[in-house]
Each structure stands twice: as C-alpha cells, then as structure tokens.
C-alpha cells in the first residue's frame, strides 16, 4: 500500500463506523416501592414504545430472560405517559411479601431510531410488609352466647384461641379468622352455651382472645343465670 492510499482507507473506515447502527440501550429500574399496597417504580426507558413491568416471587429466569411463569405474581403494561415521565404506580394491590421486579422494553424504530431501548432491565427486590392490624372482640349474651373476633385488615387465615376460667381450671376454644383482602376486615364467631362454659357457681370470668400466643383482646363479663 502506498503512502497516498492511507488517508483514503482511514476515511472509509471512519465512514463505516459512523454508519453502523447504535447498540440499543436497556431499560433501567431506578427504584421500587409501594403506597398502601400499590406497587410503585421509577424508571428510564427513552424512546420505548412498549414497557412491561413484572413481579416474581423468585429471581429465577428462563434462557430468554423472563421470570419463570410459576413464580409470577403480577404484571402490568405501562402507558406512554408513564414511560415518558418515568413514574408508575399500579392500580391493583399486591399482597404483602417479598418480590423481584424487572422491566422489559421494546422500541419499534430500533435500530434506526436515535432513542432505542430494548430488552430487560436490572432486577430489584421489593418487600411489602403486612399493614398494621387492629383486633376487636365483641360479646353477646343469650342462651347461646356469641364471641366475635374481628381483624382489620386481613388477607389470610389466622388461627386464634378464646380462653376463659371455668369452675375447674382453664378452657380454650380454637378457631380461625379467614381473610381474603388486605384492604378489608374479616371476622369469626365462636358460639357457646352455659353448659359449654362450665362456670359452676362463678358469676364473672374473663374471656381472652390469643393470636400466635399473644393476647389481642379480653373482656371481663358477668354471667346472668
């Protein structure tokens, strides 16, 4: 190669480098959180036409990059406004627990477009704690007395005990409050007759409700004969 040909070769290589399409960027999760059980995220996905956010109960992923289907907890499709602002909040609640969050983005104009975002983002953990719960116990007298325990809110089954002092020793009844929604209350009622109570000559006794070994409510009641 002559010395005169070198500038031409270098110039052609520079043109080829400029003509090569830019490599697509991947979306980025900046943060994840929640507001009253509604998951939130901030993100960067410039130019993306479609962005999907995934929640999984485990980190495990398939060879195509997706979370394993059996671990899927939730999925949502971001609106263009959410993608442009980089701020998202789900309209649905997510149950308390630990999750792993990831984005997937596609850009129709890739690789020609200047803003080109494709593929999967980084994975971030998200822990949603159980909401603070309140316990309320009520009692109604009658031939069959009712002992009601209400837990607010409750989205799972919670075993509990109702205990009282009898004429001879202590007695406990076991039951469970079945909740199905972490934004709503759930209740359970135990029904007892005088023969169930076996108070003998006692006129008063204290009824206590226990959850996981902790007393959550108690009532000292006078028994009418």
C-alpha atoms as a PDB file:
ATOM      1  CA  UNK A   1       0.000   0.000   0.000  1.00  0.00           C
ATOM      2  CA  UNK A   2       1.356   3.392  -0.951  1.00  0.00           C
ATOM      3  CA  UNK A   3       1.530   6.286   1.407  1.00  0.00           C
ATOM      4  CA  UNK A   4      -1.024   8.144  -0.705  1.00  0.00           C
ATOM      5  CA  UNK A   5      -3.692   5.443  -0.216  1.00  0.00           C
ATOM      6  CA  UNK A   6      -3.623   5.562   3.598  1.00  0.00           C
ATOM      7  CA  UNK A   7      -5.805   8.681   4.062  1.00  0.00           C
ATOM      8  CA  UNK A   8      -8.480   7.181   1.798  1.00  0.00           C
ATOM      9  CA  UNK A   9      -8.605   3.855   3.727  1.00  0.00           C
ATOM     10  CA  UNK A  10      -8.738   5.644   7.071  1.00  0.00           C
ATOM     11  CA  UNK A  11     -11.533   7.879   5.798  1.00  0.00           C
ATOM     12  CA  UNK A  12     -13.572   4.884   4.564  1.00  0.00           C
ATOM     13  CA  UNK A  13     -13.200   3.107   7.930  1.00  0.00           C
ATOM     14  CA  UNK A  14     -14.413   6.213   9.746  1.00  0.00           C
ATOM     15  CA  UNK A  15     -17.471   6.395   7.480  1.00  0.00           C
ATOM     16  CA  UNK A  16     -18.279   2.737   8.127  1.00  0.00           C
ATOM     17  CA  UNK A  17     -18.024   3.295  11.869  1.00  0.00           C
ATOM     18  CA  UNK A  18     -20.404   6.240  11.662  1.00  0.00           C
ATOM     19  CA  UNK A  19     -22.847   4.260   9.523  1.00  0.00           C
ATOM     20  CA  UNK A  20     -23.018   1.317  11.961  1.00  0.00           C
ATOM     21  CA  UNK A  21     -26.288   1.320  13.935  1.00  0.00           C
ATOM     22  CA  UNK A  22     -26.001   2.255  17.591  1.00  0.00           C
ATOM     23  CA  UNK A  23     -26.487  -0.560  20.031  1.00  0.00           C
ATOM     24  CA  UNK A  24     -29.902  -0.461  21.738  1.00  0.00           C
ATOM     25  CA  UNK A  25     -29.937   0.593  25.366  1.00  0.00           C
ATOM     26  CA  UNK A  26     -31.723  -1.459  28.009  1.00  0.00           C
ATOM     27  CA  UNK A  27     -34.376  -0.016  30.342  1.00  0.00           C
ATOM     28  CA  UNK A  28     -33.332   0.857  33.882  1.00  0.00           C
ATOM     29  CA  UNK A  29     -35.251   0.485  37.122  1.00  0.00           C
ATOM     30  CA  UNK A  30     -34.218   3.338  39.410  1.00  0.00           C
ATOM     31  CA  UNK A  31     -36.379   2.478  42.427  1.00  0.00           C
ATOM     32  CA  UNK A  32     -39.329   0.356  43.555  1.00  0.00           C
ATOM     33  CA  UNK A  33     -41.702   0.822  46.473  1.00  0.00           C
ATOM     34  CA  UNK A  34     -45.386   0.844  47.389  1.00  0.00           C
ATOM     35  CA  UNK A  35     -48.165   3.118  48.567  1.00  0.00           C
ATOM     36  CA  UNK A  36     -50.813   1.399  50.651  1.00  0.00           C
ATOM     37  CA  UNK A  37     -50.023  -1.964  48.954  1.00  0.00           C
ATOM     38  CA  UNK A  38     -49.983  -0.388  45.440  1.00  0.00           C
ATOM     39  CA  UNK A  39     -46.536  -1.094  43.880  1.00  0.00           C
ATOM     40  CA  UNK A  40     -44.597   1.918  42.543  1.00  0.00           C
ATOM     41  CA  UNK A  41     -41.492   2.325  40.389  1.00  0.00           C
ATOM     42  CA  UNK A  42     -39.304   4.986  38.819  1.00  0.00           C
ATOM     43  CA  UNK A  43     -37.580   4.061  35.569  1.00  0.00           C
ATOM     44  CA  UNK A  44     -35.705   5.164  32.464  1.00  0.00           C
ATOM     45  CA  UNK A  45     -36.659   3.762  29.046  1.00  0.00           C
ATOM     46  CA  UNK A  46     -36.001   6.500  26.443  1.00  0.00           C
ATOM     47  CA  UNK A  47     -37.934   6.107  23.201  1.00  0.00           C
ATOM     48  CA  UNK A  48     -39.534   2.785  24.172  1.00  0.00           C
ATOM     49  CA  UNK A  49     -42.906   2.096  22.551  1.00  0.00           C
ATOM     50  CA  UNK A  50     -43.851  -0.693  24.964  1.00  0.00           C
ATOM     51  CA  UNK A  51     -42.730  -1.263  28.553  1.00  0.00           C
ATOM     52  CA  UNK A  52     -43.911  -4.147  30.734  1.00  0.00           C
ATOM     53  CA  UNK A  53     -43.208  -4.485  34.452  1.00  0.00           C
ATOM     54  CA  UNK A  54     -43.026  -7.947  36.012  1.00  0.00           C
ATOM     55  CA  UNK A  55     -43.254  -9.079  39.642  1.00  0.00           C
ATOM     56  CA  UNK A  56     -41.966 -12.523  40.603  1.00  0.00           C
ATOM     57  CA  UNK A  57     -41.789 -14.413  43.881  1.00  0.00           C
ATOM     58  CA  UNK A  58     -38.300 -15.670  42.988  1.00  0.00           C
ATOM     59  CA  UNK A  59     -35.326 -14.416  40.970  1.00  0.00           C
ATOM     60  CA  UNK A  60     -35.156 -17.500  38.710  1.00  0.00           C
ATOM     61  CA  UNK A  61     -35.230 -16.673  34.986  1.00  0.00           C
ATOM     62  CA  UNK A  62     -35.569 -18.624  31.750  1.00  0.00           C
ATOM     63  CA  UNK A  63     -32.997 -18.544  28.938  1.00  0.00           C
ATOM     64  CA  UNK A  64     -34.993 -15.819  27.149  1.00  0.00           C
ATOM     65  CA  UNK A  65     -34.580 -13.542  30.169  1.00  0.00           C
ATOM     66  CA  UNK A  66     -38.095 -13.774  31.571  1.00  0.00           C
ATOM     67  CA  UNK A  67     -39.008 -14.761  35.120  1.00  0.00           C
ATOM     68  CA  UNK A  68     -40.250 -18.338  35.399  1.00  0.00           C
ATOM     69  CA  UNK A  69     -44.018 -18.478  34.873  1.00  0.00           C
ATOM     70  CA  UNK A  70     -44.735 -20.490  38.025  1.00  0.00           C
ATOM     71  CA  UNK A  71     -43.229 -17.702  40.138  1.00  0.00           C
ATOM     72  CA  UNK A  72     -45.184 -14.884  38.510  1.00  0.00           C
ATOM     73  CA  UNK A  73     -47.011 -12.621  40.984  1.00  0.00           C
ATOM     74  CA  UNK A  74     -48.173  -9.676  38.870  1.00  0.00           C
ATOM     75  CA  UNK A  75     -47.689  -7.931  35.515  1.00  0.00           C
ATOM     76  CA  UNK A  76     -48.632  -4.501  34.167  1.00  0.00           C
ATOM     77  CA  UNK A  77     -48.236  -2.609  30.889  1.00  0.00           C
ATOM     78  CA  UNK A  78     -47.110   0.980  31.193  1.00  0.00           C
ATOM     79  CA  UNK A  79     -48.926   3.769  29.367  1.00  0.00           C
ATOM     80  CA  UNK A  80     -46.969   6.159  27.073  1.00  0.00           C
ATOM     81  CA  UNK A  81     -47.367   8.867  29.714  1.00  0.00           C
ATOM     82  CA  UNK A  82     -45.866   6.605  32.395  1.00  0.00           C
ATOM     83  CA  UNK A  83     -42.935   5.705  30.131  1.00  0.00           C
ATOM     84  CA  UNK A  84     -42.295   9.363  29.289  1.00  0.00           C
ATOM     85  CA  UNK A  85     -42.476  10.533  32.924  1.00  0.00           C
ATOM     86  CA  UNK A  86     -40.604   7.534  34.306  1.00  0.00           C
ATOM     87  CA  UNK A  87     -43.123   7.262  37.159  1.00  0.00           C
ATOM     88  CA  UNK A  88     -45.507   4.307  37.586  1.00  0.00           C
ATOM     89  CA  UNK A  89     -47.989   3.122  40.208  1.00  0.00           C
ATOM     90  CA  UNK A  90     -50.173   0.041  39.878  1.00  0.00           C
ATOM     91  CA  UNK A  91     -53.946   0.394  40.129  1.00  0.00           C
ATOM     92  CA  UNK A  92     -54.101  -3.038  41.806  1.00  0.00           C
ATOM     93  CA  UNK A  93     -52.894  -4.083  45.236  1.00  0.00           C
ATOM     94  CA  UNK A  94     -50.083  -6.560  45.768  1.00  0.00           C
ATOM     95  CA  UNK A  95     -50.254  -8.851  48.789  1.00  0.00           C
ATOM     96  CA  UNK A  96     -47.608  -8.404  51.496  1.00  0.00           C
ATOM     97  CA  UNK A  97     -44.450 -10.351  50.759  1.00  0.00           C
ATOM     98  CA  UNK A  98     -41.049 -10.165  49.035  1.00  0.00           C
ATOM     99  CA  UNK A  99     -40.929  -9.838  45.249  1.00  0.00           C
ATOM    100  CA  UNK A 100     -38.437  -9.283  42.446  1.00  0.00           C
ATOM    101  CA  UNK A 101     -39.187  -6.593  39.874  1.00  0.00           C
ATOM    102  CA  UNK A 102     -37.994  -6.239  36.269  1.00  0.00           C
ATOM    103  CA  UNK A 103     -38.866  -4.247  33.136  1.00  0.00           C
ATOM    104  CA  UNK A 104     -38.986  -5.332  29.510  1.00  0.00           C
ATOM    105  CA  UNK A 105     -38.940  -2.658  26.800  1.00  0.00           C
ATOM    106  CA  UNK A 106     -39.260  -2.625  23.004  1.00  0.00           C
ATOM    107  CA  UNK A 107     -38.791   0.206  20.504  1.00  0.00           C
ATOM    108  CA  UNK A 108     -40.371  -0.218  17.063  1.00  0.00           C
ATOM    109  CA  UNK A 109     -37.809   2.023  15.319  1.00  0.00           C
ATOM    110  CA  UNK A 110     -34.752   0.095  16.505  1.00  0.00           C
ATOM    111  CA  UNK A 111     -32.088   0.097  15.266  1.00  0.00           C
ATOM    112  CA  UNK A 112     -32.769   3.133  13.062  1.00  0.00           C
ATOM    113  CA  UNK A 113     -34.144   5.441  15.760  1.00  0.00           C
ATOM    114  CA  UNK A 114     -31.967   7.725  17.820  1.00  0.00           C
ATOM    115  CA  UNK A 115     -33.778   6.703  21.031  1.00  0.00           C
ATOM    116  CA  UNK A 116     -33.646   2.938  21.080  1.00  0.00           C
ATOM    117  CA  UNK A 117     -34.456   0.887  24.181  1.00  0.00           C
ATOM    118  CA  UNK A 118     -34.838  -2.876  24.009  1.00  0.00           C
ATOM    119  CA  UNK A 119     -34.571  -5.857  26.326  1.00  0.00           C
ATOM    120  CA  UNK A 120     -34.733  -6.445  30.056  1.00  0.00           C
ATOM    121  CA  UNK A 121     -33.766  -4.124  32.873  1.00  0.00           C
ATOM    122  CA  UNK A 122     -31.924  -4.754  36.091  1.00  0.00           C
ATOM    123  CA  UNK A 123     -33.810  -6.700  38.780  1.00  0.00           C
ATOM    124  CA  UNK A 124     -34.713  -5.012  42.096  1.00  0.00           C
ATOM    125  CA  UNK A 125     -36.194  -6.597  45.253  1.00  0.00           C
ATOM    126  CA  UNK A 126     -39.395  -5.233  46.777  1.00  0.00           C
ATOM    127  CA  UNK A 127     -40.725  -6.081  50.238  1.00  0.00           C
ATOM    128  CA  UNK A 128     -44.287  -5.104  51.106  1.00  0.00           C
ATOM    129  CA  UNK A 129     -44.904  -5.507  54.852  1.00  0.00           C
ATOM    130  CA  UNK A 130     -48.237  -6.513  56.303  1.00  0.00           C
ATOM    131  CA  UNK A 131     -50.367  -3.491  57.170  1.00  0.00           C
ATOM    132  CA  UNK A 132     -50.762  -2.636  60.836  1.00  0.00           C
ATOM    133  CA  UNK A 133     -53.696  -4.640  62.171  1.00  0.00           C
ATOM    134  CA  UNK A 134     -56.298  -3.914  64.829  1.00  0.00           C
ATOM    135  CA  UNK A 135     -58.169  -6.560  66.835  1.00  0.00           C
ATOM    136  CA  UNK A 136     -61.709  -6.058  68.140  1.00  0.00           C
ATOM    137  CA  UNK A 137     -63.617  -8.527  70.305  1.00  0.00           C
ATOM    138  CA  UNK A 138     -67.368  -8.388  70.981  1.00  0.00           C
ATOM    139  CA  UNK A 139     -69.716 -10.484  73.092  1.00  0.00           C
ATOM    140  CA  UNK A 140     -73.464 -11.015  73.022  1.00  0.00           C
ATOM    141  CA  UNK A 141     -75.318 -12.827  75.785  1.00  0.00           C
ATOM    142  CA  UNK A 142     -78.077 -15.318  75.201  1.00  0.00           C
ATOM    143  CA  UNK A 143     -78.910 -18.976  75.592  1.00  0.00           C
ATOM    144  CA  UNK A 144     -76.164 -19.375  73.002  1.00  0.00           C
ATOM    145  CA  UNK A 145     -73.544 -16.682  73.626  1.00  0.00           C
ATOM    146  CA  UNK A 146     -71.525 -15.284  70.709  1.00  0.00           C
ATOM    147  CA  UNK A 147     -67.858 -14.356  70.932  1.00  0.00           C
ATOM    148  CA  UNK A 148     -66.687 -12.466  67.828  1.00  0.00           C
ATOM    149  CA  UNK A 149     -63.136 -11.521  66.855  1.00  0.00           C
ATOM    150  CA  UNK A 150     -62.558  -9.010  64.028  1.00  0.00           C
ATOM    151  CA  UNK A 151     -59.129  -8.356  62.486  1.00  0.00           C
ATOM    152  CA  UNK A 152     -58.626  -5.278  60.268  1.00  0.00           C
ATOM    153  CA  UNK A 153     -57.285  -5.663  57.615  1.00  0.00           C
ATOM    154  CA  UNK A 154     -56.821  -9.359  56.866  1.00  0.00           C
ATOM    155  CA  UNK A 155     -55.909 -11.218  53.701  1.00  0.00           C
ATOM    156  CA  UNK A 156     -55.002 -14.642  55.097  1.00  0.00           C
ATOM    157  CA  UNK A 157     -56.208 -17.257  57.563  1.00  0.00           C
ATOM    158  CA  UNK A 158     -55.224 -16.520  61.179  1.00  0.00           C
ATOM    159  CA  UNK A 159     -55.716 -19.193  63.895  1.00  0.00           C
ATOM    160  CA  UNK A 160     -56.705 -17.926  67.319  1.00  0.00           C
ATOM    161  CA  UNK A 161     -57.852 -19.115  70.741  1.00  0.00           C
ATOM    162  CA  UNK A 162     -60.663 -17.960  73.015  1.00  0.00           C
ATOM    163  CA  UNK A 163     -59.844 -18.810  76.643  1.00  0.00           C
ATOM    164  CA  UNK A 164     -61.660 -18.379  79.963  1.00  0.00           C
ATOM    165  CA  UNK A 165     -61.507 -19.627  83.549  1.00  0.00           C
ATOM    166  CA  UNK A 166     -64.059 -22.295  84.465  1.00  0.00           C
ATOM    167  CA  UNK A 167     -65.119 -23.696  87.822  1.00  0.00           C
ATOM    168  CA  UNK A 168     -62.255 -26.166  87.454  1.00  0.00           C
ATOM    169  CA  UNK A 169     -59.288 -24.924  85.505  1.00  0.00           C
ATOM    170  CA  UNK A 170     -58.947 -23.031  82.237  1.00  0.00           C
ATOM    171  CA  UNK A 171     -60.629 -23.789  78.934  1.00  0.00           C
ATOM    172  CA  UNK A 172     -59.744 -22.709  75.388  1.00  0.00           C
ATOM    173  CA  UNK A 173     -61.606 -22.975  72.110  1.00  0.00           C
ATOM    174  CA  UNK A 174     -59.640 -22.935  68.853  1.00  0.00           C
ATOM    175  CA  UNK A 175     -60.834 -21.315  65.628  1.00  0.00           C
ATOM    176  CA  UNK A 176     -59.549 -19.193  62.727  1.00  0.00           C
ATOM    177  CA  UNK A 177     -60.380 -15.872  61.107  1.00  0.00           C
ATOM    178  CA  UNK A 178     -60.339 -16.296  57.323  1.00  0.00           C
ATOM    179  CA  UNK A 179     -59.448 -13.087  55.479  1.00  0.00           C
ATOM    180  CA  UNK A 180     -59.263 -12.647  51.713  1.00  0.00           C
ATOM    181  CA  UNK A 181     -58.416  -8.964  51.171  1.00  0.00           C
ATOM    182  CA  UNK A 182     -55.634  -6.889  52.756  1.00  0.00           C
ATOM    183  CA  UNK A 183     -57.799  -3.783  52.463  1.00  0.00           C
ATOM    184  CA  UNK A 184     -60.798  -5.217  54.349  1.00  0.00           C
ATOM    185  CA  UNK A 185     -61.680  -6.625  57.755  1.00  0.00           C
ATOM    186  CA  UNK A 186     -62.553 -10.257  58.463  1.00  0.00           C
ATOM    187  CA  UNK A 187     -64.336 -11.852  61.441  1.00  0.00           C
ATOM    188  CA  UNK A 188     -65.011 -15.178  63.093  1.00  0.00           C
ATOM    189  CA  UNK A 189     -67.549 -16.081  65.781  1.00  0.00           C
ATOM    190  CA  UNK A 190     -67.484 -18.809  68.418  1.00  0.00           C
ATOM    191  CA  UNK A 191     -70.853 -19.916  69.840  1.00  0.00           C
ATOM    192  CA  UNK A 192     -71.019 -21.259  73.410  1.00  0.00           C
ATOM    193  CA  UNK A 193     -73.838 -22.313  75.719  1.00  0.00           C
ATOM    194  CA  UNK A 194     -73.843 -22.223  79.539  1.00  0.00           C
ATOM    195  CA  UNK A 195     -73.025 -25.919  79.586  1.00  0.00           C
ATOM    196  CA  UNK A 196     -70.018 -25.236  77.346  1.00  0.00           C
ATOM    197  CA  UNK A 197     -68.756 -22.570  79.728  1.00  0.00           C
ATOM    198  CA  UNK A 198     -68.982 -24.820  82.848  1.00  0.00           C
ATOM    199  CA  UNK A 199     -68.583 -21.917  85.239  1.00  0.00           C
ATOM    200  CA  UNK A 200     -70.180 -23.647  88.203  1.00  0.00           C
ATOM    201  CA  UNK A 201     -71.059 -21.052  90.842  1.00  0.00           C
ATOM    202  CA  UNK A 202     -68.857 -18.359  89.291  1.00  0.00           C
ATOM    203  CA  UNK A 203     -70.685 -15.182  88.315  1.00  0.00           C
ATOM    204  CA  UNK A 204     -67.849 -13.451  86.464  1.00  0.00           C
ATOM    205  CA  UNK A 205     -64.982 -14.618  84.325  1.00  0.00           C
ATOM    206  CA  UNK A 206     -62.538 -13.077  81.865  1.00  0.00           C
ATOM    207  CA  UNK A 207     -62.574 -14.116  78.213  1.00  0.00           C
ATOM    208  CA  UNK A 208     -59.307 -13.580  76.336  1.00  0.00           C
ATOM    209  CA  UNK A 209     -58.509 -13.880  72.629  1.00  0.00           C
ATOM    210  CA  UNK A 210     -54.996 -15.013  71.633  1.00  0.00           C
ATOM    211  CA  UNK A 211     -53.261 -14.831  68.237  1.00  0.00           C
ATOM    212  CA  UNK A 212     -49.851 -16.528  67.885  1.00  0.00           C
ATOM    213  CA  UNK A 213     -49.675 -16.839  71.672  1.00  0.00           C
ATOM    214  CA  UNK A 214     -50.229 -13.106  72.224  1.00  0.00           C
ATOM    215  CA  UNK A 215     -53.357 -11.775  73.911  1.00  0.00           C
ATOM    216  CA  UNK A 216     -55.032  -9.368  71.487  1.00  0.00           C
ATOM    217  CA  UNK A 217     -58.295  -8.691  73.392  1.00  0.00           C
ATOM    218  CA  UNK A 218     -60.011  -9.510  76.668  1.00  0.00           C
ATOM    219  CA  UNK A 219     -63.380  -8.916  78.335  1.00  0.00           C
ATOM    220  CA  UNK A 220     -64.412  -9.473  81.915  1.00  0.00           C
ATOM    221  CA  UNK A 221     -68.084 -10.479  81.846  1.00  0.00           C
ATOM    222  CA  UNK A 222     -70.785 -11.155  84.359  1.00  0.00           C
ATOM    223  CA  UNK A 223     -72.826 -14.238  83.557  1.00  0.00           C
ATOM    224  CA  UNK A 224     -76.572 -13.931  84.029  1.00  0.00           C
ATOM    225  CA  UNK A 225     -78.370 -17.005  85.378  1.00  0.00           C
END
